[in-house]
Amino acid sequence: MSNIVPLMQREWLQHRFGWSLMAGVPIGLALLLVAFGEVQLDPGEAEAAGDALPAMLAAASIGAGTVLVFLIAWLSSAILVSGLSRRDHADRSVEFWLSLPVGHSRFLAMPLFVHLLLVPAAALLVGLVGGTLVSMVLVGRVAGMGAWFALPWATLVPAALAAVGRLLLGLPLATLWLLPLIMLVVLFTAWFRRWGLIIVGVGAGLGSYLLELVFGQPLLWQAVVDLVRNAALSMAGASQTGPTLQGPENALAVLGALPGWVVSDFGHALALLASPLLAGGLLVAAACFALLVDWRRRGAQAAG
């Protein structure tokens, strides 16, 4: 723990400004738009929604805010992680980090943990709070602040917490599915600098083409597609079923059924883990990590 905490603090000190912008700018823009922009609702749909309109607007705002901030954080983390192995080489600060009593494995693992898990998880919680603020402003403009306070919070709060909890639980599962692809990019970026991502992409395309010529199927490309697909299902939708919104009349019923669906859906996401594809992918990820550790062990001269 004496080494883990400083490594995590380093990520915070280095990226805190960017993380703050990443979370604050989308929510701030959304608040400005709903507060001062023109809010247009289809008169027919608004009339059909009736008393359920404020609840539907609130649920949409909370959901959109949460997902938006999460996606921005996850994409930003993926970009940062792709160049993680070489970020200290431009100014030769890698020589300083190599001199510290920190194991090579821990030095590489902790930034991956922070960027791939902690940052997106924190973004979900920030997005939930921000989306709630947006819902207050939006509902206040459309139906008045009294309508926002009178929302069926006994239904909305469990539904929102269940949805965010599902994403939080699905995040590490999705990361496991994507880990071989992520580690391949990190490794090839370490070896070939900016060409690493291109080499991985071209290699996947050529490898799939050759496998299709030999076996009649693009096995490599299909494996990549399956990894991405299972990662998406691990976040949500693994059960392939769920409560269906048929109209304003059953909007609250759908929200009320959401916590039960989350439990079932997460169970299906766990069942996906029993896959030879995941086992093979994790072996590839472990091999890439071992090669990265060896690359770093060789020191600043070999890495430069």
C-alpha atoms as a PDB file:
ATOM      1  CA  MET A   1       0.000   0.000   0.000  1.00  0.00           C
ATOM      2  CA  SER A   2       2.920   2.375   0.601  1.00  0.00           C
ATOM      3  CA  ASN A   3       3.646   2.267  -3.135  1.00  0.00           C
ATOM      4  CA  ILE A   4       0.090   1.971  -4.420  1.00  0.00           C
ATOM      5  CA  VAL A   5      -1.243   5.190  -2.886  1.00  0.00           C
ATOM      6  CA  PRO A   6       1.543   7.440  -4.301  1.00  0.00           C
ATOM      7  CA  LEU A   7       1.044   5.926  -7.747  1.00  0.00           C
ATOM      8  CA  MET A   8      -2.665   6.689  -7.566  1.00  0.00           C
ATOM      9  CA  GLN A   9      -1.931  10.190  -6.275  1.00  0.00           C
ATOM     10  CA  ARG A  10       0.382  10.715  -9.223  1.00  0.00           C
ATOM     11  CA  GLU A  11      -2.467  10.034 -11.643  1.00  0.00           C
ATOM     12  CA  TRP A  12      -4.680  12.465  -9.756  1.00  0.00           C
ATOM     13  CA  LEU A  13      -2.048  15.229  -9.722  1.00  0.00           C
ATOM     14  CA  GLN A  14      -1.263  14.751 -13.388  1.00  0.00           C
ATOM     15  CA  HIS A  15      -4.824  14.512 -14.717  1.00  0.00           C
ATOM     16  CA  ARG A  16      -7.062  16.280 -12.182  1.00  0.00           C
ATOM     17  CA  PHE A  17      -7.558  19.378 -14.335  1.00  0.00           C
ATOM     18  CA  GLY A  18      -8.542  17.333 -17.377  1.00  0.00           C
ATOM     19  CA  TRP A  19     -10.831  15.130 -15.307  1.00  0.00           C
ATOM     20  CA  SER A  20     -12.518  18.191 -13.827  1.00  0.00           C
ATOM     21  CA  LEU A  21     -13.149  19.631 -17.288  1.00  0.00           C
ATOM     22  CA  MET A  22     -14.296  16.270 -18.576  1.00  0.00           C
ATOM     23  CA  ALA A  23     -16.966  16.045 -15.879  1.00  0.00           C
ATOM     24  CA  GLY A  24     -17.830  19.699 -15.446  1.00  0.00           C
ATOM     25  CA  VAL A  25     -18.054  20.974 -19.022  1.00  0.00           C
ATOM     26  CA  PRO A  26     -20.792  18.598 -20.302  1.00  0.00           C
ATOM     27  CA  ILE A  27     -22.933  19.101 -17.216  1.00  0.00           C
ATOM     28  CA  GLY A  28     -22.338  22.847 -17.250  1.00  0.00           C
ATOM     29  CA  LEU A  29     -23.285  23.122 -20.927  1.00  0.00           C
ATOM     30  CA  ALA A  30     -26.391  21.017 -20.366  1.00  0.00           C
ATOM     31  CA  LEU A  31     -27.466  23.236 -17.461  1.00  0.00           C
ATOM     32  CA  LEU A  32     -26.958  26.358 -19.550  1.00  0.00           C
ATOM     33  CA  LEU A  33     -28.913  24.914 -22.466  1.00  0.00           C
ATOM     34  CA  VAL A  34     -31.919  23.838 -20.431  1.00  0.00           C
ATOM     35  CA  ALA A  35     -31.833  27.000 -18.308  1.00  0.00           C
ATOM     36  CA  PHE A  36     -31.549  29.588 -21.083  1.00  0.00           C
ATOM     37  CA  GLY A  37     -32.228  27.690 -24.296  1.00  0.00           C
ATOM     38  CA  GLU A  38     -35.575  27.107 -25.906  1.00  0.00           C
ATOM     39  CA  VAL A  39     -37.221  23.914 -24.663  1.00  0.00           C
ATOM     40  CA  GLN A  40     -39.539  22.562 -27.347  1.00  0.00           C
ATOM     41  CA  LEU A  41     -41.865  19.622 -26.745  1.00  0.00           C
ATOM     42  CA  ASP A  42     -44.241  18.133 -29.267  1.00  0.00           C
ATOM     43  CA  PRO A  43     -47.686  19.280 -28.127  1.00  0.00           C
ATOM     44  CA  GLY A  44     -49.274  15.946 -28.995  1.00  0.00           C
ATOM     45  CA  GLU A  45     -46.662  13.912 -27.120  1.00  0.00           C
ATOM     46  CA  ALA A  46     -46.758  16.285 -24.148  1.00  0.00           C
ATOM     47  CA  GLU A  47     -50.535  15.973 -23.975  1.00  0.00           C
ATOM     48  CA  ALA A  48     -50.337  12.188 -24.271  1.00  0.00           C
ATOM     49  CA  ALA A  49     -47.794  12.031 -21.453  1.00  0.00           C
ATOM     50  CA  GLY A  50     -50.065  13.979 -19.139  1.00  0.00           C
ATOM     51  CA  ASP A  51     -49.114  13.767 -15.491  1.00  0.00           C
ATOM     52  CA  ALA A  52     -46.229  11.396 -16.326  1.00  0.00           C
ATOM     53  CA  LEU A  53     -44.393  14.086 -18.334  1.00  0.00           C
ATOM     54  CA  PRO A  54     -42.295  15.516 -15.445  1.00  0.00           C
ATOM     55  CA  ALA A  55     -41.210  12.029 -14.376  1.00  0.00           C
ATOM     56  CA  MET A  56     -40.296  11.092 -17.951  1.00  0.00           C
ATOM     57  CA  LEU A  57     -38.293  14.295 -18.403  1.00  0.00           C
ATOM     58  CA  ALA A  58     -36.494  13.731 -15.105  1.00  0.00           C
ATOM     59  CA  ALA A  59     -35.665  10.108 -15.912  1.00  0.00           C
ATOM     60  CA  ALA A  60     -34.400  11.063 -19.388  1.00  0.00           C
ATOM     61  CA  SER A  61     -32.239  13.881 -17.991  1.00  0.00           C
ATOM     62  CA  ILE A  62     -30.715  11.732 -15.265  1.00  0.00           C
ATOM     63  CA  GLY A  63     -30.043   8.872 -17.651  1.00  0.00           C
ATOM     64  CA  ALA A  64     -28.594  11.057 -20.405  1.00  0.00           C
ATOM     65  CA  GLY A  65     -26.349  12.969 -18.005  1.00  0.00           C
ATOM     66  CA  THR A  66     -25.016   9.807 -16.425  1.00  0.00           C
ATOM     67  CA  VAL A  67     -24.301   8.041 -19.714  1.00  0.00           C
ATOM     68  CA  LEU A  68     -22.793  11.123 -21.368  1.00  0.00           C
ATOM     69  CA  VAL A  69     -20.238  11.803 -18.639  1.00  0.00           C
ATOM     70  CA  PHE A  70     -19.408   8.098 -18.411  1.00  0.00           C
ATOM     71  CA  LEU A  71     -18.784   7.764 -22.165  1.00  0.00           C
ATOM     72  CA  ILE A  72     -16.580  10.860 -22.239  1.00  0.00           C
ATOM     73  CA  ALA A  73     -14.555   9.568 -19.280  1.00  0.00           C
ATOM     74  CA  TRP A  74     -14.223   6.077 -20.719  1.00  0.00           C
ATOM     75  CA  LEU A  75     -13.127   7.278 -24.162  1.00  0.00           C
ATOM     76  CA  SER A  76     -10.662   9.722 -22.615  1.00  0.00           C
ATOM     77  CA  SER A  77      -9.230   6.980 -20.421  1.00  0.00           C
ATOM     78  CA  ALA A  78      -8.879   4.647 -23.407  1.00  0.00           C
ATOM     79  CA  ILE A  79      -6.913   7.326 -25.289  1.00  0.00           C
ATOM     80  CA  LEU A  80      -4.662   8.018 -22.295  1.00  0.00           C
ATOM     81  CA  VAL A  81      -4.052   4.335 -21.661  1.00  0.00           C
ATOM     82  CA  SER A  82      -3.018   3.719 -25.270  1.00  0.00           C
ATOM     83  CA  GLY A  83       0.028   5.945 -24.747  1.00  0.00           C
ATOM     84  CA  LEU A  84       0.594   5.038 -21.110  1.00  0.00           C
ATOM     85  CA  SER A  85       3.822   3.117 -21.615  1.00  0.00           C
ATOM     86  CA  ARG A  86       5.635   6.037 -23.271  1.00  0.00           C
ATOM     87  CA  ARG A  87       4.202   9.069 -21.505  1.00  0.00           C
ATOM     88  CA  ASP A  88       7.406   9.654 -19.465  1.00  0.00           C
ATOM     89  CA  HIS A  89       9.863   9.253 -22.337  1.00  0.00           C
ATOM     90  CA  ALA A  90       9.505  12.599 -24.096  1.00  0.00           C
ATOM     91  CA  ASP A  91      11.125  14.512 -21.204  1.00  0.00           C
ATOM     92  CA  ARG A  92      13.199  11.531 -19.990  1.00  0.00           C
ATOM     93  CA  SER A  93      11.390  11.556 -16.654  1.00  0.00           C
ATOM     94  CA  VAL A  94      11.220   7.787 -17.070  1.00  0.00           C
ATOM     95  CA  GLU A  95      14.736   7.681 -15.648  1.00  0.00           C
ATOM     96  CA  PHE A  96      13.416   9.188 -12.419  1.00  0.00           C
ATOM     97  CA  TRP A  97      10.554   6.686 -12.194  1.00  0.00           C
ATOM     98  CA  LEU A  98      12.892   3.800 -12.916  1.00  0.00           C
ATOM     99  CA  SER A  99      15.035   4.877  -9.960  1.00  0.00           C
ATOM    100  CA  LEU A 100      12.155   4.594  -7.481  1.00  0.00           C
ATOM    101  CA  PRO A 101      11.639   1.429  -5.395  1.00  0.00           C
ATOM    102  CA  VAL A 102       8.447   0.529  -7.230  1.00  0.00           C
ATOM    103  CA  GLY A 103       8.041  -2.845  -8.908  1.00  0.00           C
ATOM    104  CA  HIS A 104       7.643  -2.787 -12.655  1.00  0.00           C
ATOM    105  CA  SER A 105       4.376  -4.704 -12.495  1.00  0.00           C
ATOM    106  CA  ARG A 106       2.888  -2.345  -9.945  1.00  0.00           C
ATOM    107  CA  PHE A 107       4.074   0.716 -11.855  1.00  0.00           C
ATOM    108  CA  LEU A 108       2.216  -0.466 -14.954  1.00  0.00           C
ATOM    109  CA  ALA A 109      -0.826  -1.986 -13.241  1.00  0.00           C
ATOM    110  CA  MET A 110      -1.861   0.951 -11.070  1.00  0.00           C
ATOM    111  CA  PRO A 111      -2.326   3.508 -13.883  1.00  0.00           C
ATOM    112  CA  LEU A 112      -4.325   0.909 -15.813  1.00  0.00           C
ATOM    113  CA  PHE A 113      -6.514   0.336 -12.764  1.00  0.00           C
ATOM    114  CA  VAL A 114      -7.067   4.052 -12.218  1.00  0.00           C
ATOM    115  CA  HIS A 115      -7.864   4.949 -15.825  1.00  0.00           C
ATOM    116  CA  LEU A 116      -9.853   1.872 -16.812  1.00  0.00           C
ATOM    117  CA  LEU A 117     -11.881   1.387 -13.614  1.00  0.00           C
ATOM    118  CA  LEU A 118     -11.712   4.213 -11.078  1.00  0.00           C
ATOM    119  CA  VAL A 119     -12.143   7.144 -13.457  1.00  0.00           C
ATOM    120  CA  PRO A 120     -15.163   5.731 -15.359  1.00  0.00           C
ATOM    121  CA  ALA A 121     -16.729   4.633 -12.073  1.00  0.00           C
ATOM    122  CA  ALA A 122     -16.312   8.124 -10.608  1.00  0.00           C
ATOM    123  CA  ALA A 123     -17.721   9.585 -13.830  1.00  0.00           C
ATOM    124  CA  LEU A 124     -20.881   7.531 -13.389  1.00  0.00           C
ATOM    125  CA  LEU A 125     -21.469   9.015  -9.955  1.00  0.00           C
ATOM    126  CA  VAL A 126     -20.684  12.544 -11.127  1.00  0.00           C
ATOM    127  CA  GLY A 127     -22.994  12.067 -14.098  1.00  0.00           C
ATOM    128  CA  LEU A 128     -25.773  10.884 -11.802  1.00  0.00           C
ATOM    129  CA  VAL A 129     -25.503  14.022  -9.674  1.00  0.00           C
ATOM    130  CA  GLY A 130     -25.172  16.262 -12.726  1.00  0.00           C
ATOM    131  CA  GLY A 131     -28.103  14.620 -14.484  1.00  0.00           C
ATOM    132  CA  THR A 132     -30.232  15.176 -11.380  1.00  0.00           C
ATOM    133  CA  LEU A 133     -29.383  18.891 -11.440  1.00  0.00           C
ATOM    134  CA  VAL A 134     -30.266  19.066 -15.130  1.00  0.00           C
ATOM    135  CA  SER A 135     -33.572  17.333 -14.432  1.00  0.00           C
ATOM    136  CA  MET A 136     -34.405  19.911 -11.763  1.00  0.00           C
ATOM    137  CA  VAL A 137     -33.850  22.808 -14.170  1.00  0.00           C
ATOM    138  CA  LEU A 138     -35.628  21.113 -17.084  1.00  0.00           C
ATOM    139  CA  VAL A 139     -38.684  20.012 -15.134  1.00  0.00           C
ATOM    140  CA  GLY A 140     -38.781  23.395 -13.430  1.00  0.00           C
ATOM    141  CA  ARG A 141     -38.940  25.179 -16.762  1.00  0.00           C
ATOM    142  CA  VAL A 142     -41.551  22.867 -18.259  1.00  0.00           C
ATOM    143  CA  ALA A 143     -43.839  22.209 -15.301  1.00  0.00           C
ATOM    144  CA  GLY A 144     -42.576  24.379 -12.446  1.00  0.00           C
ATOM    145  CA  MET A 145     -40.270  23.652  -9.516  1.00  0.00           C
ATOM    146  CA  GLY A 146     -43.161  22.256  -7.517  1.00  0.00           C
ATOM    147  CA  ALA A 147     -43.539  19.484 -10.096  1.00  0.00           C
ATOM    148  CA  TRP A 148     -39.889  18.490  -9.630  1.00  0.00           C
ATOM    149  CA  PHE A 149     -40.249  18.205  -5.852  1.00  0.00           C
ATOM    150  CA  ALA A 150     -43.502  16.298  -6.354  1.00  0.00           C
ATOM    151  CA  LEU A 151     -41.901  13.678  -8.614  1.00  0.00           C
ATOM    152  CA  PRO A 152     -42.380  10.018  -7.600  1.00  0.00           C
ATOM    153  CA  TRP A 153     -38.950   9.830  -6.011  1.00  0.00           C
ATOM    154  CA  ALA A 154     -39.801   6.523  -4.329  1.00  0.00           C
ATOM    155  CA  THR A 155     -39.739   5.052  -7.839  1.00  0.00           C
ATOM    156  CA  LEU A 156     -37.149   7.282  -9.525  1.00  0.00           C
ATOM    157  CA  VAL A 157     -34.403   6.982  -6.911  1.00  0.00           C
ATOM    158  CA  PRO A 158     -34.300   3.149  -6.747  1.00  0.00           C
ATOM    159  CA  ALA A 159     -34.441   3.002 -10.550  1.00  0.00           C
ATOM    160  CA  ALA A 160     -31.567   5.478 -10.965  1.00  0.00           C
ATOM    161  CA  LEU A 161     -29.436   3.792  -8.305  1.00  0.00           C
ATOM    162  CA  ALA A 162     -30.125   0.368  -9.808  1.00  0.00           C
ATOM    163  CA  ALA A 163     -29.147   1.540 -13.297  1.00  0.00           C
ATOM    164  CA  VAL A 164     -25.936   3.167 -12.071  1.00  0.00           C
ATOM    165  CA  GLY A 165     -25.185   0.121  -9.933  1.00  0.00           C
ATOM    166  CA  ARG A 166     -25.617  -2.110 -12.971  1.00  0.00           C
ATOM    167  CA  LEU A 167     -23.117  -0.030 -14.921  1.00  0.00           C
ATOM    168  CA  LEU A 168     -20.690  -0.006 -11.996  1.00  0.00           C
ATOM    169  CA  LEU A 169     -20.882  -3.796 -11.711  1.00  0.00           C
ATOM    170  CA  GLY A 170     -20.610  -4.232 -15.452  1.00  0.00           C
ATOM    171  CA  LEU A 171     -17.566  -1.974 -15.801  1.00  0.00           C
ATOM    172  CA  PRO A 172     -14.954  -4.479 -14.498  1.00  0.00           C
ATOM    173  CA  LEU A 173     -16.578  -7.268 -16.528  1.00  0.00           C
ATOM    174  CA  ALA A 174     -16.466  -5.173 -19.697  1.00  0.00           C
ATOM    175  CA  THR A 175     -12.846  -4.263 -18.945  1.00  0.00           C
ATOM    176  CA  LEU A 176     -11.958  -7.952 -18.722  1.00  0.00           C
ATOM    177  CA  TRP A 177     -13.424  -8.548 -22.177  1.00  0.00           C
ATOM    178  CA  LEU A 178     -11.584  -5.579 -23.683  1.00  0.00           C
ATOM    179  CA  LEU A 179      -8.318  -6.139 -21.824  1.00  0.00           C
ATOM    180  CA  PRO A 180      -6.570  -8.168 -24.576  1.00  0.00           C
ATOM    181  CA  LEU A 181      -7.297  -5.448 -27.139  1.00  0.00           C
ATOM    182  CA  ILE A 182      -6.202  -2.696 -24.757  1.00  0.00           C
ATOM    183  CA  MET A 183      -2.990  -4.451 -23.766  1.00  0.00           C
ATOM    184  CA  LEU A 184      -2.078  -5.175 -27.384  1.00  0.00           C
ATOM    185  CA  VAL A 185      -2.362  -1.468 -28.193  1.00  0.00           C
ATOM    186  CA  VAL A 186      -0.345  -0.472 -25.098  1.00  0.00           C
ATOM    187  CA  LEU A 187       2.376  -3.013 -25.915  1.00  0.00           C
ATOM    188  CA  PHE A 188       2.714  -2.058 -29.573  1.00  0.00           C
ATOM    189  CA  THR A 189       2.713   1.621 -28.650  1.00  0.00           C
ATOM    190  CA  ALA A 190       5.601   0.894 -26.311  1.00  0.00           C
ATOM    191  CA  TRP A 191       7.491  -0.907 -29.066  1.00  0.00           C
ATOM    192  CA  PHE A 192       6.642   1.259 -32.069  1.00  0.00           C
ATOM    193  CA  ARG A 193       5.524   4.581 -30.583  1.00  0.00           C
ATOM    194  CA  ARG A 194       2.681   6.226 -32.538  1.00  0.00           C
ATOM    195  CA  TRP A 195       2.750   3.500 -35.148  1.00  0.00           C
ATOM    196  CA  GLY A 196       1.600   0.950 -32.581  1.00  0.00           C
ATOM    197  CA  LEU A 197      -2.140   1.532 -33.037  1.00  0.00           C
ATOM    198  CA  ILE A 198      -1.812   1.452 -36.826  1.00  0.00           C
ATOM    199  CA  ILE A 199       0.186  -1.770 -36.704  1.00  0.00           C
ATOM    200  CA  VAL A 200      -2.418  -3.427 -34.477  1.00  0.00           C
ATOM    201  CA  GLY A 201      -5.254  -2.329 -36.773  1.00  0.00           C
ATOM    202  CA  VAL A 202      -3.495  -3.375 -39.989  1.00  0.00           C
ATOM    203  CA  GLY A 203      -2.339  -6.618 -38.391  1.00  0.00           C
ATOM    204  CA  ALA A 204      -5.872  -7.486 -37.330  1.00  0.00           C
ATOM    205  CA  GLY A 205      -7.153  -6.788 -40.836  1.00  0.00           C
ATOM    206  CA  LEU A 206      -4.454  -8.772 -42.624  1.00  0.00           C
ATOM    207  CA  GLY A 207      -4.632 -11.609 -40.113  1.00  0.00           C
ATOM    208  CA  SER A 208      -8.382 -11.880 -40.573  1.00  0.00           C
ATOM    209  CA  TYR A 209      -7.986 -11.877 -44.354  1.00  0.00           C
ATOM    210  CA  LEU A 210      -5.388 -14.684 -44.254  1.00  0.00           C
ATOM    211  CA  LEU A 211      -7.487 -16.737 -41.860  1.00  0.00           C
ATOM    212  CA  GLU A 212     -10.479 -16.326 -44.147  1.00  0.00           C
ATOM    213  CA  LEU A 213      -8.402 -17.588 -47.063  1.00  0.00           C
ATOM    214  CA  VAL A 214      -7.204 -20.624 -45.094  1.00  0.00           C
ATOM    215  CA  PHE A 215     -10.251 -21.518 -42.983  1.00  0.00           C
ATOM    216  CA  GLY A 216     -13.041 -19.767 -44.856  1.00  0.00           C
ATOM    217  CA  GLN A 217     -13.817 -17.447 -41.916  1.00  0.00           C
ATOM    218  CA  PRO A 218     -12.184 -14.240 -40.612  1.00  0.00           C
ATOM    219  CA  LEU A 219     -11.581 -15.817 -37.217  1.00  0.00           C
ATOM    220  CA  LEU A 220      -9.420 -13.010 -35.859  1.00  0.00           C
ATOM    221  CA  TRP A 221     -11.890 -10.280 -36.780  1.00  0.00           C
ATOM    222  CA  GLN A 222     -14.749 -12.366 -35.430  1.00  0.00           C
ATOM    223  CA  ALA A 223     -12.908 -12.743 -32.128  1.00  0.00           C
ATOM    224  CA  VAL A 224     -12.476  -8.953 -31.909  1.00  0.00           C
ATOM    225  CA  VAL A 225     -16.168  -8.420 -32.668  1.00  0.00           C
ATOM    226  CA  ASP A 226     -17.185 -10.975 -30.027  1.00  0.00           C
ATOM    227  CA  LEU A 227     -14.940  -9.369 -27.423  1.00  0.00           C
ATOM    228  CA  VAL A 228     -16.458  -5.934 -28.051  1.00  0.00           C
ATOM    229  CA  ARG A 229     -19.979  -7.343 -28.174  1.00  0.00           C
ATOM    230  CA  ASN A 230     -19.592  -9.210 -24.884  1.00  0.00           C
ATOM    231  CA  ALA A 231     -18.073  -6.106 -23.298  1.00  0.00           C
ATOM    232  CA  ALA A 232     -21.142  -4.105 -24.308  1.00  0.00           C
ATOM    233  CA  LEU A 233     -23.496  -6.816 -23.019  1.00  0.00           C
ATOM    234  CA  SER A 234     -21.561  -6.909 -19.744  1.00  0.00           C
ATOM    235  CA  MET A 235     -22.396  -3.241 -19.237  1.00  0.00           C
ATOM    236  CA  ALA A 236     -26.109  -3.720 -19.952  1.00  0.00           C
ATOM    237  CA  GLY A 237     -28.436  -5.946 -21.935  1.00  0.00           C
ATOM    238  CA  ALA A 238     -26.856  -9.354 -21.319  1.00  0.00           C
ATOM    239  CA  SER A 239     -30.277 -10.886 -20.690  1.00  0.00           C
ATOM    240  CA  GLN A 240     -31.461  -9.719 -24.138  1.00  0.00           C
ATOM    241  CA  THR A 241     -34.781  -8.819 -22.511  1.00  0.00           C
ATOM    242  CA  GLY A 242     -36.071  -6.081 -20.284  1.00  0.00           C
ATOM    243  CA  PRO A 243     -38.985  -3.824 -19.387  1.00  0.00           C
ATOM    244  CA  THR A 244     -40.440  -2.230 -22.528  1.00  0.00           C
ATOM    245  CA  LEU A 245     -41.654   1.341 -22.618  1.00  0.00           C
ATOM    246  CA  GLN A 246     -44.913   1.236 -24.540  1.00  0.00           C
ATOM    247  CA  GLY A 247     -45.920   4.803 -23.796  1.00  0.00           C
ATOM    248  CA  PRO A 248     -46.456   7.293 -20.991  1.00  0.00           C
ATOM    249  CA  GLU A 249     -49.028   5.007 -19.389  1.00  0.00           C
ATOM    250  CA  ASN A 250     -46.412   2.439 -18.336  1.00  0.00           C
ATOM    251  CA  ALA A 251     -43.401   4.748 -17.820  1.00  0.00           C
ATOM    252  CA  LEU A 252     -43.531   4.494 -14.033  1.00  0.00           C
ATOM    253  CA  ALA A 253     -44.101   0.747 -14.236  1.00  0.00           C
ATOM    254  CA  VAL A 254     -40.915   0.397 -16.321  1.00  0.00           C
ATOM    255  CA  LEU A 255     -38.956   2.440 -13.776  1.00  0.00           C
ATOM    256  CA  GLY A 256     -40.362   0.335 -10.953  1.00  0.00           C
ATOM    257  CA  ALA A 257     -39.338  -2.890 -12.707  1.00  0.00           C
ATOM    258  CA  LEU A 258     -35.799  -1.670 -13.377  1.00  0.00           C
ATOM    259  CA  PRO A 259     -34.169  -2.855 -10.092  1.00  0.00           C
ATOM    260  CA  GLY A 260     -35.441  -6.402 -10.598  1.00  0.00           C
ATOM    261  CA  TRP A 261     -34.255  -6.415 -14.211  1.00  0.00           C
ATOM    262  CA  VAL A 262     -30.806  -5.204 -13.141  1.00  0.00           C
ATOM    263  CA  VAL A 263     -30.322  -8.242 -10.881  1.00  0.00           C
ATOM    264  CA  SER A 264     -31.343 -10.631 -13.650  1.00  0.00           C
ATOM    265  CA  ASP A 265     -29.268  -8.864 -16.282  1.00  0.00           C
ATOM    266  CA  PHE A 266     -26.142  -8.883 -14.129  1.00  0.00           C
ATOM    267  CA  GLY A 267     -26.571 -12.614 -13.595  1.00  0.00           C
ATOM    268  CA  HIS A 268     -26.538 -13.126 -17.363  1.00  0.00           C
ATOM    269  CA  ALA A 269     -23.439 -10.917 -17.618  1.00  0.00           C
ATOM    270  CA  LEU A 270     -21.659 -13.141 -15.108  1.00  0.00           C
ATOM    271  CA  ALA A 271     -22.683 -16.208 -17.115  1.00  0.00           C
ATOM    272  CA  LEU A 272     -20.912 -14.755 -20.163  1.00  0.00           C
ATOM    273  CA  LEU A 273     -17.605 -15.071 -18.323  1.00  0.00           C
ATOM    274  CA  ALA A 274     -17.646 -18.857 -18.746  1.00  0.00           C
ATOM    275  CA  SER A 275     -16.231 -18.555 -22.242  1.00  0.00           C
ATOM    276  CA  PRO A 276     -13.107 -19.970 -23.886  1.00  0.00           C
ATOM    277  CA  LEU A 277     -12.819 -16.664 -25.738  1.00  0.00           C
ATOM    278  CA  LEU A 278     -12.408 -14.759 -22.481  1.00  0.00           C
ATOM    279  CA  ALA A 279      -9.886 -17.280 -21.172  1.00  0.00           C
ATOM    280  CA  GLY A 280      -7.841 -16.962 -24.343  1.00  0.00           C
ATOM    281  CA  GLY A 281      -8.138 -13.186 -24.291  1.00  0.00           C
ATOM    282  CA  LEU A 282      -6.898 -12.977 -20.726  1.00  0.00           C
ATOM    283  CA  LEU A 283      -3.916 -15.155 -21.638  1.00  0.00           C
ATOM    284  CA  VAL A 284      -3.107 -12.711 -24.445  1.00  0.00           C
ATOM    285  CA  ALA A 285      -3.487  -9.781 -22.026  1.00  0.00           C
ATOM    286  CA  ALA A 286      -1.216 -11.468 -19.466  1.00  0.00           C
ATOM    287  CA  ALA A 287       1.413 -12.134 -22.129  1.00  0.00           C
ATOM    288  CA  CYS A 288       1.274  -8.504 -23.260  1.00  0.00           C
ATOM    289  CA  PHE A 289       1.618  -7.306 -19.674  1.00  0.00           C
ATOM    290  CA  ALA A 290       4.634  -9.587 -19.129  1.00  0.00           C
ATOM    291  CA  LEU A 291       6.258  -8.201 -22.284  1.00  0.00           C
ATOM    292  CA  LEU A 292       5.561  -4.654 -21.080  1.00  0.00           C
ATOM    293  CA  VAL A 293       7.200  -5.419 -17.737  1.00  0.00           C
ATOM    294  CA  ASP A 294      10.229  -6.817 -19.572  1.00  0.00           C
ATOM    295  CA  TRP A 295      10.313  -3.754 -21.836  1.00  0.00           C
ATOM    296  CA  ARG A 296      10.329  -1.433 -18.851  1.00  0.00           C
ATOM    297  CA  ARG A 297      12.884  -3.527 -16.995  1.00  0.00           C
ATOM    298  CA  ARG A 298      15.351  -2.949 -19.800  1.00  0.00           C
ATOM    299  CA  GLY A 299      15.458   0.673 -18.695  1.00  0.00           C
ATOM    300  CA  ALA A 300      15.318   4.104 -20.210  1.00  0.00           C
ATOM    301  CA  GLN A 301      18.063   3.495 -22.792  1.00  0.00           C
ATOM    302  CA  ALA A 302      16.336   0.532 -24.418  1.00  0.00           C
ATOM    303  CA  ALA A 303      12.949   2.244 -24.212  1.00  0.00           C
ATOM    304  CA  GLY A 304      14.020   5.566 -25.628  1.00  0.00           C
END
